[in-house]
Structure formats: C-alpha cells, structure tokens
Amino acid sequence: DENAQLDYPTFKKIAAEISTAIIVEYIKSEQNQYSLF
C-alpha cells in the first residue's frame, strides 16, 4: 500500500533472512545426493 515505500527498505533484509533460513533448513533435510552435472 502507500506505506510500502517506507516498509520495504526497512523490512526487506529481515524478510529475506527468513526465506533464506527456511531454504537452508529445507536443504539440510534433503538426503538426496546428486552428481554436479
């Protein structure tokens, strides 16, 4: 909304850290082993 221009710079780093943490935890739970190529 109209507050987005203020909220986005403030919270984007925090929000990105949350998504990063979840994807890392997901990867940790994966046991599959693949070759690189």
PDB file of all heavy atoms in Angstrom:
ATOM      1  N   ASP A   1       0.832  -1.197   0.000  1.00  0.00           N
ATOM      2  CA  ASP A   1       0.000   0.000   0.000  1.00  0.00           C
ATOM      3  C   ASP A   1       0.874   1.256   0.000  1.00  0.00           C
ATOM      4  O   ASP A   1       2.063   1.187  -0.326  1.00  0.00           O
ATOM      5  CB  ASP A   1      -0.943  -0.008   1.210  1.00  0.00           C
ATOM      6  CG  ASP A   1      -0.196  -0.226   2.528  1.00  0.00           C
ATOM      7  OD1 ASP A   1       1.032   0.013   2.573  1.00  0.00           O
ATOM      8  OD2 ASP A   1      -0.841  -0.646   3.510  1.00  0.00           O
ATOM      9  N   GLU A   2       0.296   2.390   0.386  1.00  0.00           N
ATOM     10  CA  GLU A   2       1.061   3.642   0.359  1.00  0.00           C
ATOM     11  C   GLU A   2       2.223   3.660   1.343  1.00  0.00           C
ATOM     12  O   GLU A   2       3.127   4.484   1.219  1.00  0.00           O
ATOM     13  CB  GLU A   2       0.120   4.829   0.634  1.00  0.00           C
ATOM     14  CG  GLU A   2      -0.697   5.271  -0.575  1.00  0.00           C
ATOM     15  CD  GLU A   2      -1.828   4.313  -0.928  1.00  0.00           C
ATOM     16  OE1 GLU A   2      -2.119   3.407  -0.116  1.00  0.00           O
ATOM     17  OE2 GLU A   2      -2.423   4.463  -2.015  1.00  0.00           O
ATOM     18  N   ASN A   3       2.218   2.754   2.314  1.00  0.00           N
ATOM     19  CA  ASN A   3       3.334   2.658   3.264  1.00  0.00           C
ATOM     20  C   ASN A   3       4.460   1.766   2.751  1.00  0.00           C
ATOM     21  O   ASN A   3       5.498   1.646   3.405  1.00  0.00           O
ATOM     22  CB  ASN A   3       2.847   2.114   4.607  1.00  0.00           C
ATOM     23  CG  ASN A   3       1.882   3.060   5.294  1.00  0.00           C
ATOM     24  OD1 ASN A   3       2.100   4.268   5.302  1.00  0.00           O
ATOM     25  ND2 ASN A   3       0.812   2.511   5.867  1.00  0.00           N
ATOM     26  N   ALA A   4       4.261   1.133   1.606  1.00  0.00           N
ATOM     27  CA  ALA A   4       5.227   0.152   1.105  1.00  0.00           C
ATOM     28  C   ALA A   4       6.600   0.762   0.867  1.00  0.00           C
ATOM     29  O   ALA A   4       7.638   0.126   1.119  1.00  0.00           O
ATOM     30  CB  ALA A   4       4.710  -0.484  -0.183  1.00  0.00           C
ATOM     31  N   GLN A   5       6.640   2.007   0.387  1.00  0.00           N
ATOM     32  CA  GLN A   5       7.931   2.638   0.091  1.00  0.00           C
ATOM     33  C   GLN A   5       8.754   2.848   1.348  1.00  0.00           C
ATOM     34  O   GLN A   5       9.986   2.942   1.283  1.00  0.00           O
ATOM     35  CB  GLN A   5       7.717   3.965  -0.640  1.00  0.00           C
ATOM     36  CG  GLN A   5       7.137   3.791  -2.038  1.00  0.00           C
ATOM     37  CD  GLN A   5       6.976   5.108  -2.773  1.00  0.00           C
ATOM     38  OE1 GLN A   5       7.570   6.107  -2.407  1.00  0.00           O
ATOM     39  NE2 GLN A   5       6.176   5.095  -3.821  1.00  0.00           N
ATOM     40  N   LEU A   6       8.081   2.935   2.504  1.00  0.00           N
ATOM     41  CA  LEU A   6       8.791   3.054   3.778  1.00  0.00           C
ATOM     42  C   LEU A   6       9.073   1.682   4.373  1.00  0.00           C
ATOM     43  O   LEU A   6      10.174   1.425   4.875  1.00  0.00           O
ATOM     44  CB  LEU A   6       7.959   3.888   4.763  1.00  0.00           C
ATOM     45  CG  LEU A   6       7.712   5.351   4.388  1.00  0.00           C
ATOM     46  CD1 LEU A   6       6.783   6.002   5.401  1.00  0.00           C
ATOM     47  CD2 LEU A   6       9.023   6.120   4.298  1.00  0.00           C
ATOM     48  N   ASP A   7       8.081   0.796   4.338  1.00  0.00           N
ATOM     49  CA  ASP A   7       8.224  -0.520   4.960  1.00  0.00           C
ATOM     50  C   ASP A   7       9.226  -1.405   4.219  1.00  0.00           C
ATOM     51  O   ASP A   7      10.013  -2.135   4.849  1.00  0.00           O
ATOM     52  CB  ASP A   7       6.873  -1.241   5.011  1.00  0.00           C
ATOM     53  CG  ASP A   7       5.912  -0.580   5.985  1.00  0.00           C
ATOM     54  OD1 ASP A   7       6.379   0.154   6.867  1.00  0.00           O
ATOM     55  OD2 ASP A   7       4.698  -0.812   5.850  1.00  0.00           O
ATOM     56  N   TYR A   8       9.191  -1.360   2.893  1.00  0.00           N
ATOM     57  CA  TYR A   8      10.028  -2.260   2.101  1.00  0.00           C
ATOM     58  C   TYR A   8      11.518  -2.113   2.410  1.00  0.00           C
ATOM     59  O   TYR A   8      12.188  -3.115   2.702  1.00  0.00           O
ATOM     60  CB  TYR A   8       9.751  -2.046   0.613  1.00  0.00           C
ATOM     61  CG  TYR A   8      10.642  -2.843  -0.308  1.00  0.00           C
ATOM     62  CD1 TYR A   8      10.454  -4.216  -0.462  1.00  0.00           C
ATOM     63  CD2 TYR A   8      11.680  -2.230  -1.014  1.00  0.00           C
ATOM     64  CE1 TYR A   8      11.276  -4.953  -1.306  1.00  0.00           C
ATOM     65  CE2 TYR A   8      12.492  -2.961  -1.852  1.00  0.00           C
ATOM     66  CZ  TYR A   8      12.292  -4.313  -2.000  1.00  0.00           C
ATOM     67  OH  TYR A   8      13.106  -5.036  -2.833  1.00  0.00           O
ATOM     68  N   PRO A   9      12.103  -0.903   2.382  1.00  0.00           N
ATOM     69  CA  PRO A   9      13.524  -0.793   2.712  1.00  0.00           C
ATOM     70  C   PRO A   9      13.837  -1.216   4.147  1.00  0.00           C
ATOM     71  O   PRO A   9      14.917  -1.736   4.428  1.00  0.00           O
ATOM     72  CB  PRO A   9      13.824   0.704   2.520  1.00  0.00           C
ATOM     73  CG  PRO A   9      12.746   1.203   1.642  1.00  0.00           C
ATOM     74  CD  PRO A   9      11.528   0.396   1.998  1.00  0.00           C
ATOM     75  N   THR A  10      12.865  -1.018   5.039  1.00  0.00           N
ATOM     76  CA  THR A  10      13.082  -1.355   6.452  1.00  0.00           C
ATOM     77  C   THR A  10      13.067  -2.852   6.689  1.00  0.00           C
ATOM     78  O   THR A  10      13.894  -3.387   7.437  1.00  0.00           O
ATOM     79  CB  THR A  10      11.992  -0.693   7.331  1.00  0.00           C
ATOM     80  OG1 THR A  10      12.017   0.722   7.124  1.00  0.00           O
ATOM     81  CG2 THR A  10      12.214  -0.996   8.802  1.00  0.00           C
ATOM     82  N   PHE A  11      12.128  -3.543   6.051  1.00  0.00           N
ATOM     83  CA  PHE A  11      11.892  -4.949   6.383  1.00  0.00           C
ATOM     84  C   PHE A  11      12.407  -5.945   5.341  1.00  0.00           C
ATOM     85  O   PHE A  11      12.377  -7.153   5.596  1.00  0.00           O
ATOM     86  CB  PHE A  11      10.398  -5.185   6.604  1.00  0.00           C
ATOM     87  CG  PHE A  11       9.857  -4.532   7.836  1.00  0.00           C
ATOM     88  CD1 PHE A  11       9.076  -3.383   7.751  1.00  0.00           C
ATOM     89  CD2 PHE A  11      10.140  -5.035   9.094  1.00  0.00           C
ATOM     90  CE1 PHE A  11       8.575  -2.773   8.889  1.00  0.00           C
ATOM     91  CE2 PHE A  11       9.654  -4.437  10.240  1.00  0.00           C
ATOM     92  CZ  PHE A  11       8.870  -3.294  10.140  1.00  0.00           C
ATOM     93  N   LYS A  12      12.880  -5.467   4.170  1.00  0.00           N
ATOM     94  CA  LYS A  12      13.261  -6.434   3.137  1.00  0.00           C
ATOM     95  C   LYS A  12      14.410  -7.333   3.586  1.00  0.00           C
ATOM     96  O   LYS A  12      14.427  -8.529   3.278  1.00  0.00           O
ATOM     97  CB  LYS A  12      13.589  -5.743   1.820  1.00  0.00           C
ATOM     98  CG  LYS A  12      14.894  -4.971   1.787  1.00  0.00           C
ATOM     99  CD  LYS A  12      15.185  -4.438   0.396  1.00  0.00           C
ATOM    100  CE  LYS A  12      16.505  -3.694   0.348  1.00  0.00           C
ATOM    101  NZ  LYS A  12      16.816  -3.185  -1.003  1.00  0.00           N
ATOM    102  N   LYS A  13      15.375  -6.782   4.323  1.00  0.00           N
ATOM    103  CA  LYS A  13      16.508  -7.596   4.774  1.00  0.00           C
ATOM    104  C   LYS A  13      16.039  -8.652   5.773  1.00  0.00           C
ATOM    105  O   LYS A  13      16.440  -9.815   5.694  1.00  0.00           O
ATOM    106  CB  LYS A  13      17.581  -6.715   5.401  1.00  0.00           C
ATOM    107  CG  LYS A  13      18.854  -7.465   5.774  1.00  0.00           C
ATOM    108  CD  LYS A  13      19.925  -6.504   6.258  1.00  0.00           C
ATOM    109  CE  LYS A  13      21.255  -7.232   6.498  1.00  0.00           C
ATOM    110  NZ  LYS A  13      21.147  -8.245   7.572  1.00  0.00           N
ATOM    111  N   ILE A  14      15.179  -8.248   6.705  1.00  0.00           N
ATOM    112  CA  ILE A  14      14.653  -9.199   7.683  1.00  0.00           C
ATOM    113  C   ILE A  14      13.847 -10.286   6.987  1.00  0.00           C
ATOM    114  O   ILE A  14      13.999 -11.482   7.276  1.00  0.00           O
ATOM    115  CB  ILE A  14      13.778  -8.469   8.722  1.00  0.00           C
ATOM    116  CG1 ILE A  14      14.613  -7.455   9.506  1.00  0.00           C
ATOM    117  CG2 ILE A  14      13.107  -9.464   9.669  1.00  0.00           C
ATOM    118  CD1 ILE A  14      13.798  -6.540  10.392  1.00  0.00           C
ATOM    119  N   ALA A  15      12.983  -9.872   6.058  1.00  0.00           N
ATOM    120  CA  ALA A  15      12.160 -10.841   5.331  1.00  0.00           C
ATOM    121  C   ALA A  15      13.024 -11.791   4.520  1.00  0.00           C
ATOM    122  O   ALA A  15      12.770 -13.005   4.472  1.00  0.00           O
ATOM    123  CB  ALA A  15      11.168 -10.107   4.429  1.00  0.00           C
ATOM    124  N   ALA A  16      14.063 -11.252   3.865  1.00  0.00           N
ATOM    125  CA  ALA A  16      14.956 -12.095   3.069  1.00  0.00           C
ATOM    126  C   ALA A  16      15.700 -13.093   3.947  1.00  0.00           C
ATOM    127  O   ALA A  16      15.919 -14.244   3.553  1.00  0.00           O
ATOM    128  CB  ALA A  16      15.940 -11.222   2.301  1.00  0.00           C
ATOM    129  N   GLU A  17      16.080 -12.676   5.134  1.00  0.00           N
ATOM    130  CA  GLU A  17      16.769 -13.581   6.059  1.00  0.00           C
ATOM    131  C   GLU A  17      15.863 -14.737   6.465  1.00  0.00           C
ATOM    132  O   GLU A  17      16.326 -15.874   6.644  1.00  0.00           O
ATOM    133  CB  GLU A  17      17.232 -12.806   7.294  1.00  0.00           C
ATOM    134  CG  GLU A  17      18.418 -11.884   7.028  1.00  0.00           C
ATOM    135  CD  GLU A  17      18.730 -10.983   8.208  1.00  0.00           C
ATOM    136  OE1 GLU A  17      17.919 -10.946   9.169  1.00  0.00           O
ATOM    137  OE2 GLU A  17      19.773 -10.310   8.171  1.00  0.00           O
ATOM    138  N   ILE A  18      14.571 -14.464   6.603  1.00  0.00           N
ATOM    139  CA  ILE A  18      13.623 -15.523   6.954  1.00  0.00           C
ATOM    140  C   ILE A  18      13.527 -16.546   5.828  1.00  0.00           C
ATOM    141  O   ILE A  18      13.604 -17.758   6.063  1.00  0.00           O
ATOM    142  CB  ILE A  18      12.236 -14.918   7.260  1.00  0.00           C
ATOM    143  CG1 ILE A  18      12.286 -14.105   8.551  1.00  0.00           C
ATOM    144  CG2 ILE A  18      11.177 -16.028   7.372  1.00  0.00           C
ATOM    145  CD1 ILE A  18      11.025 -13.300   8.814  1.00  0.00           C
ATOM    146  N   SER A  19      13.365 -16.088   4.589  1.00  0.00           N
ATOM    147  CA  SER A  19      13.254 -17.024   3.467  1.00  0.00           C
ATOM    148  C   SER A  19      14.548 -17.806   3.277  1.00  0.00           C
ATOM    149  O   SER A  19      14.524 -19.000   2.972  1.00  0.00           O
ATOM    150  CB  SER A  19      12.865 -16.288   2.178  1.00  0.00           C
ATOM    151  OG  SER A  19      13.899 -15.462   1.713  1.00  0.00           O
ATOM    152  N   THR A  20      15.689 -17.136   3.495  1.00  0.00           N
ATOM    153  CA  THR A  20      16.982 -17.825   3.381  1.00  0.00           C
ATOM    154  C   THR A  20      17.104 -18.919   4.427  1.00  0.00           C
ATOM    155  O   THR A  20      17.536 -20.046   4.127  1.00  0.00           O
ATOM    156  CB  THR A  20      18.130 -16.821   3.539  1.00  0.00           C
ATOM    157  OG1 THR A  20      18.079 -15.874   2.470  1.00  0.00           O
ATOM    158  CG2 THR A  20      19.476 -17.530   3.520  1.00  0.00           C
ATOM    159  N   ALA A  21      16.742 -18.607   5.652  1.00  0.00           N
ATOM    160  CA  ALA A  21      16.846 -19.591   6.727  1.00  0.00           C
ATOM    161  C   ALA A  21      15.984 -20.816   6.449  1.00  0.00           C
ATOM    162  O   ALA A  21      16.402 -21.957   6.701  1.00  0.00           O
ATOM    163  CB  ALA A  21      16.446 -18.955   8.054  1.00  0.00           C
ATOM    164  N   ILE A  22      14.796 -20.596   5.907  1.00  0.00           N
ATOM    165  CA  ILE A  22      13.902 -21.717   5.611  1.00  0.00           C
ATOM    166  C   ILE A  22      14.467 -22.583   4.496  1.00  0.00           C
ATOM    167  O   ILE A  22      14.453 -23.818   4.588  1.00  0.00           O
ATOM    168  CB  ILE A  22      12.498 -21.206   5.252  1.00  0.00           C
ATOM    169  CG1 ILE A  22      11.855 -20.544   6.460  1.00  0.00           C
ATOM    170  CG2 ILE A  22      11.611 -22.354   4.747  1.00  0.00           C
ATOM    171  CD1 ILE A  22      10.590 -19.787   6.139  1.00  0.00           C
ATOM    172  N   ILE A  23      14.990 -21.964   3.443  1.00  0.00           N
ATOM    173  CA  ILE A  23      15.510 -22.763   2.330  1.00  0.00           C
ATOM    174  C   ILE A  23      16.736 -23.555   2.772  1.00  0.00           C
ATOM    175  O   ILE A  23      16.927 -24.703   2.360  1.00  0.00           O
ATOM    176  CB  ILE A  23      15.829 -21.890   1.092  1.00  0.00           C
ATOM    177  CG1 ILE A  23      16.027 -22.785  -0.152  1.00  0.00           C
ATOM    178  CG2 ILE A  23      17.040 -21.033   1.289  1.00  0.00           C
ATOM    179  CD1 ILE A  23      14.814 -23.508  -0.604  1.00  0.00           C
ATOM    180  N   VAL A  24      17.540 -22.991   3.662  1.00  0.00           N
ATOM    181  CA  VAL A  24      18.708 -23.720   4.163  1.00  0.00           C
ATOM    182  C   VAL A  24      18.266 -24.906   5.008  1.00  0.00           C
ATOM    183  O   VAL A  24      18.827 -26.009   4.897  1.00  0.00           O
ATOM    184  CB  VAL A  24      19.633 -22.782   4.967  1.00  0.00           C
ATOM    185  CG1 VAL A  24      20.709 -23.578   5.694  1.00  0.00           C
ATOM    186  CG2 VAL A  24      20.273 -21.750   4.042  1.00  0.00           C
ATOM    187  N   GLU A  25      17.250 -24.705   5.845  1.00  0.00           N
ATOM    188  CA  GLU A  25      16.726 -25.822   6.641  1.00  0.00           C
ATOM    189  C   GLU A  25      16.131 -26.899   5.743  1.00  0.00           C
ATOM    190  O   GLU A  25      16.279 -28.098   6.018  1.00  0.00           O
ATOM    191  CB  GLU A  25      15.671 -25.310   7.631  1.00  0.00           C
ATOM    192  CG  GLU A  25      16.223 -24.509   8.780  1.00  0.00           C
ATOM    193  CD  GLU A  25      17.218 -25.291   9.614  1.00  0.00           C
ATOM    194  OE1 GLU A  25      16.903 -26.448   9.977  1.00  0.00           O
ATOM    195  OE2 GLU A  25      18.307 -24.768   9.897  1.00  0.00           O
ATOM    196  N   TYR A  26      15.472 -26.469   4.678  1.00  0.00           N
ATOM    197  CA  TYR A  26      14.929 -27.438   3.730  1.00  0.00           C
ATOM    198  C   TYR A  26      16.055 -28.267   3.107  1.00  0.00           C
ATOM    199  O   TYR A  26      15.955 -29.497   2.998  1.00  0.00           O
ATOM    200  CB  TYR A  26      14.128 -26.725   2.640  1.00  0.00           C
ATOM    201  CG  TYR A  26      13.816 -27.618   1.459  1.00  0.00           C
ATOM    202  CD1 TYR A  26      12.778 -28.533   1.506  1.00  0.00           C
ATOM    203  CD2 TYR A  26      14.601 -27.564   0.307  1.00  0.00           C
ATOM    204  CE1 TYR A  26      12.514 -29.366   0.439  1.00  0.00           C
ATOM    205  CE2 TYR A  26      14.344 -28.390  -0.772  1.00  0.00           C
ATOM    206  CZ  TYR A  26      13.305 -29.293  -0.705  1.00  0.00           C
ATOM    207  OH  TYR A  26      13.067 -30.119  -1.768  1.00  0.00           O
ATOM    208  N   ILE A  27      17.111 -27.595   2.690  1.00  0.00           N
ATOM    209  CA  ILE A  27      18.235 -28.299   2.071  1.00  0.00           C
ATOM    210  C   ILE A  27      18.852 -29.287   3.050  1.00  0.00           C
ATOM    211  O   ILE A  27      19.190 -30.422   2.687  1.00  0.00           O
ATOM    212  CB  ILE A  27      19.289 -27.299   1.569  1.00  0.00           C
ATOM    213  CG1 ILE A  27      18.731 -26.484   0.389  1.00  0.00           C
ATOM    214  CG2 ILE A  27      20.573 -28.014   1.149  1.00  0.00           C
ATOM    215  CD1 ILE A  27      19.599 -25.320  -0.025  1.00  0.00           C
ATOM    216  N   LYS A  28      18.963 -28.886   4.293  1.00  0.00           N
ATOM    217  CA  LYS A  28      19.527 -29.782   5.311  1.00  0.00           C
ATOM    218  C   LYS A  28      18.694 -31.049   5.456  1.00  0.00           C
ATOM    219  O   LYS A  28      19.225 -32.117   5.778  1.00  0.00           O
ATOM    220  CB  LYS A  28      19.605 -29.056   6.660  1.00  0.00           C
ATOM    221  CG  LYS A  28      20.702 -28.012   6.752  1.00  0.00           C
ATOM    222  CD  LYS A  28      20.683 -27.349   8.125  1.00  0.00           C
ATOM    223  CE  LYS A  28      21.777 -26.296   8.246  1.00  0.00           C
ATOM    224  NZ  LYS A  28      21.749 -25.621   9.557  1.00  0.00           N
ATOM    225  N   SER A  29      17.384 -30.922   5.249  1.00  0.00           N
ATOM    226  CA  SER A  29      16.503 -32.078   5.402  1.00  0.00           C
ATOM    227  C   SER A  29      16.543 -33.014   4.201  1.00  0.00           C
ATOM    228  O   SER A  29      16.071 -34.151   4.267  1.00  0.00           O
ATOM    229  CB  SER A  29      15.055 -31.612   5.629  1.00  0.00           C
ATOM    230  OG  SER A  29      14.511 -31.072   4.443  1.00  0.00           O
ATOM    231  N   GLU A  30      17.082 -32.513   3.094  1.00  0.00           N
ATOM    232  CA  GLU A  30      17.167 -33.334   1.896  1.00  0.00           C
ATOM    233  C   GLU A  30      18.364 -34.281   2.005  1.00  0.00           C
ATOM    234  O   GLU A  30      19.477 -33.858   2.256  1.00  0.00           O
ATOM    235  CB  GLU A  30      17.334 -32.449   0.656  1.00  0.00           C
ATOM    236  CG  GLU A  30      16.086 -31.676   0.277  1.00  0.00           C
ATOM    237  CD  GLU A  30      15.037 -32.581  -0.344  1.00  0.00           C
ATOM    238  OE1 GLU A  30      15.139 -32.857  -1.542  1.00  0.00           O
ATOM    239  OE2 GLU A  30      14.121 -32.998   0.384  1.00  0.00           O
ATOM    240  N   GLN A  31      18.120 -35.540   1.757  1.00  0.00           N
ATOM    241  CA  GLN A  31      19.194 -36.536   1.864  1.00  0.00           C
ATOM    242  C   GLN A  31      19.688 -36.991   0.513  1.00  0.00           C
ATOM    243  O   GLN A  31      20.592 -37.826   0.426  1.00  0.00           O
ATOM    244  CB  GLN A  31      18.683 -37.741   2.673  1.00  0.00           C
ATOM    245  CG  GLN A  31      18.238 -37.404   4.074  1.00  0.00           C
ATOM    246  CD  GLN A  31      19.348 -36.790   4.893  1.00  0.00           C
ATOM    247  OE1 GLN A  31      20.465 -37.276   4.883  1.00  0.00           O
ATOM    248  NE2 GLN A  31      19.036 -35.716   5.617  1.00  0.00           N
ATOM    249  N   ASN A  32      19.099 -36.466  -0.556  1.00  0.00           N
ATOM    250  CA  ASN A  32      19.479 -36.926  -1.879  1.00  0.00           C
ATOM    251  C   ASN A  32      20.862 -36.434  -2.262  1.00  0.00           C
ATOM    252  O   ASN A  32      21.249 -35.325  -1.964  1.00  0.00           O
ATOM    253  CB  ASN A  32      18.482 -36.420  -2.920  1.00  0.00           C
ATOM    254  CG  ASN A  32      17.103 -36.989  -2.685  1.00  0.00           C
ATOM    255  OD1 ASN A  32      16.968 -38.110  -2.224  1.00  0.00           O
ATOM    256  ND2 ASN A  32      16.080 -36.202  -2.971  1.00  0.00           N
ATOM    257  N   GLN A  33      21.607 -37.263  -2.909  1.00  0.00           N
ATOM    258  CA  GLN A  33      22.957 -36.951  -3.366  1.00  0.00           C
ATOM    259  C   GLN A  33      22.992 -37.017  -4.877  1.00  0.00           C
ATOM    260  O   GLN A  33      22.634 -38.017  -5.459  1.00  0.00           O
ATOM    261  CB  GLN A  33      23.943 -37.981  -2.777  1.00  0.00           C
ATOM    262  CG  GLN A  33      25.400 -37.651  -2.919  1.00  0.00           C
ATOM    263  CD  GLN A  33      25.823 -36.501  -2.014  1.00  0.00           C
ATOM    264  OE1 GLN A  33      25.929 -35.398  -2.470  1.00  0.00           O
ATOM    265  NE2 GLN A  33      26.063 -36.790  -0.743  1.00  0.00           N
ATOM    266  N   TYR A  34      23.358 -35.933  -5.529  1.00  0.00           N
ATOM    267  CA  TYR A  34      23.396 -35.893  -6.976  1.00  0.00           C
ATOM    268  C   TYR A  34      24.817 -35.601  -7.438  1.00  0.00           C
ATOM    269  O   TYR A  34      25.606 -34.998  -6.715  1.00  0.00           O
ATOM    270  CB  TYR A  34      22.464 -34.804  -7.527  1.00  0.00           C
ATOM    271  CG  TYR A  34      21.032 -34.928  -7.098  1.00  0.00           C
ATOM    272  CD1 TYR A  34      20.531 -34.105  -6.101  1.00  0.00           C
ATOM    273  CD2 TYR A  34      20.193 -35.853  -7.684  1.00  0.00           C
ATOM    274  CE1 TYR A  34      19.202 -34.210  -5.702  1.00  0.00           C
ATOM    275  CE2 TYR A  34      18.867 -35.965  -7.296  1.00  0.00           C
ATOM    276  CZ  TYR A  34      18.377 -35.139  -6.299  1.00  0.00           C
ATOM    277  OH  TYR A  34      17.076 -35.248  -5.903  1.00  0.00           O
ATOM    278  N   SER A  35      25.106 -35.963  -8.668  1.00  0.00           N
ATOM    279  CA  SER A  35      26.362 -35.517  -9.263  1.00  0.00           C
ATOM    280  C   SER A  35      26.206 -34.072  -9.683  1.00  0.00           C
ATOM    281  O   SER A  35      25.107 -33.588  -9.915  1.00  0.00           O
ATOM    282  CB  SER A  35      26.705 -36.389 -10.497  1.00  0.00           C
ATOM    283  OG  SER A  35      25.694 -36.272 -11.453  1.00  0.00           O
ATOM    284  N   LEU A  36      27.324 -33.352  -9.780  1.00  0.00           N
ATOM    285  CA  LEU A  36      27.265 -31.911 -10.035  1.00  0.00           C
ATOM    286  C   LEU A  36      26.691 -31.611 -11.403  1.00  0.00           C
ATOM    287  O   LEU A  36      25.949 -30.657 -11.591  1.00  0.00           O
ATOM    288  CB  LEU A  36      28.669 -31.310  -9.906  1.00  0.00           C
ATOM    289  CG  LEU A  36      28.752 -29.787 -10.022  1.00  0.00           C
ATOM    290  CD1 LEU A  36      27.842 -29.104  -9.014  1.00  0.00           C
ATOM    291  CD2 LEU A  36      30.176 -29.313  -9.860  1.00  0.00           C
ATOM    292  N   PHE A  37      27.004 -32.386 -12.395  1.00  0.00           N
ATOM    293  CA  PHE A  37      26.486 -32.115 -13.737  1.00  0.00           C
ATOM    294  C   PHE A  37      25.876 -33.405 -14.299  1.00  0.00           C
ATOM    295  O   PHE A  37      26.307 -34.490 -13.988  1.00  0.00           O
ATOM    296  CB  PHE A  37      27.584 -31.628 -14.672  1.00  0.00           C
ATOM    297  CG  PHE A  37      28.156 -30.311 -14.235  1.00  0.00           C
ATOM    298  CD1 PHE A  37      29.413 -30.232 -13.656  1.00  0.00           C
ATOM    299  CD2 PHE A  37      27.426 -29.143 -14.362  1.00  0.00           C
ATOM    300  CE1 PHE A  37      29.935 -29.036 -13.238  1.00  0.00           C
ATOM    301  CE2 PHE A  37      27.931 -27.936 -13.952  1.00  0.00           C
ATOM    302  CZ  PHE A  37      29.197 -27.875 -13.388  1.00  0.00           C
TER     303      PHE A  37
END
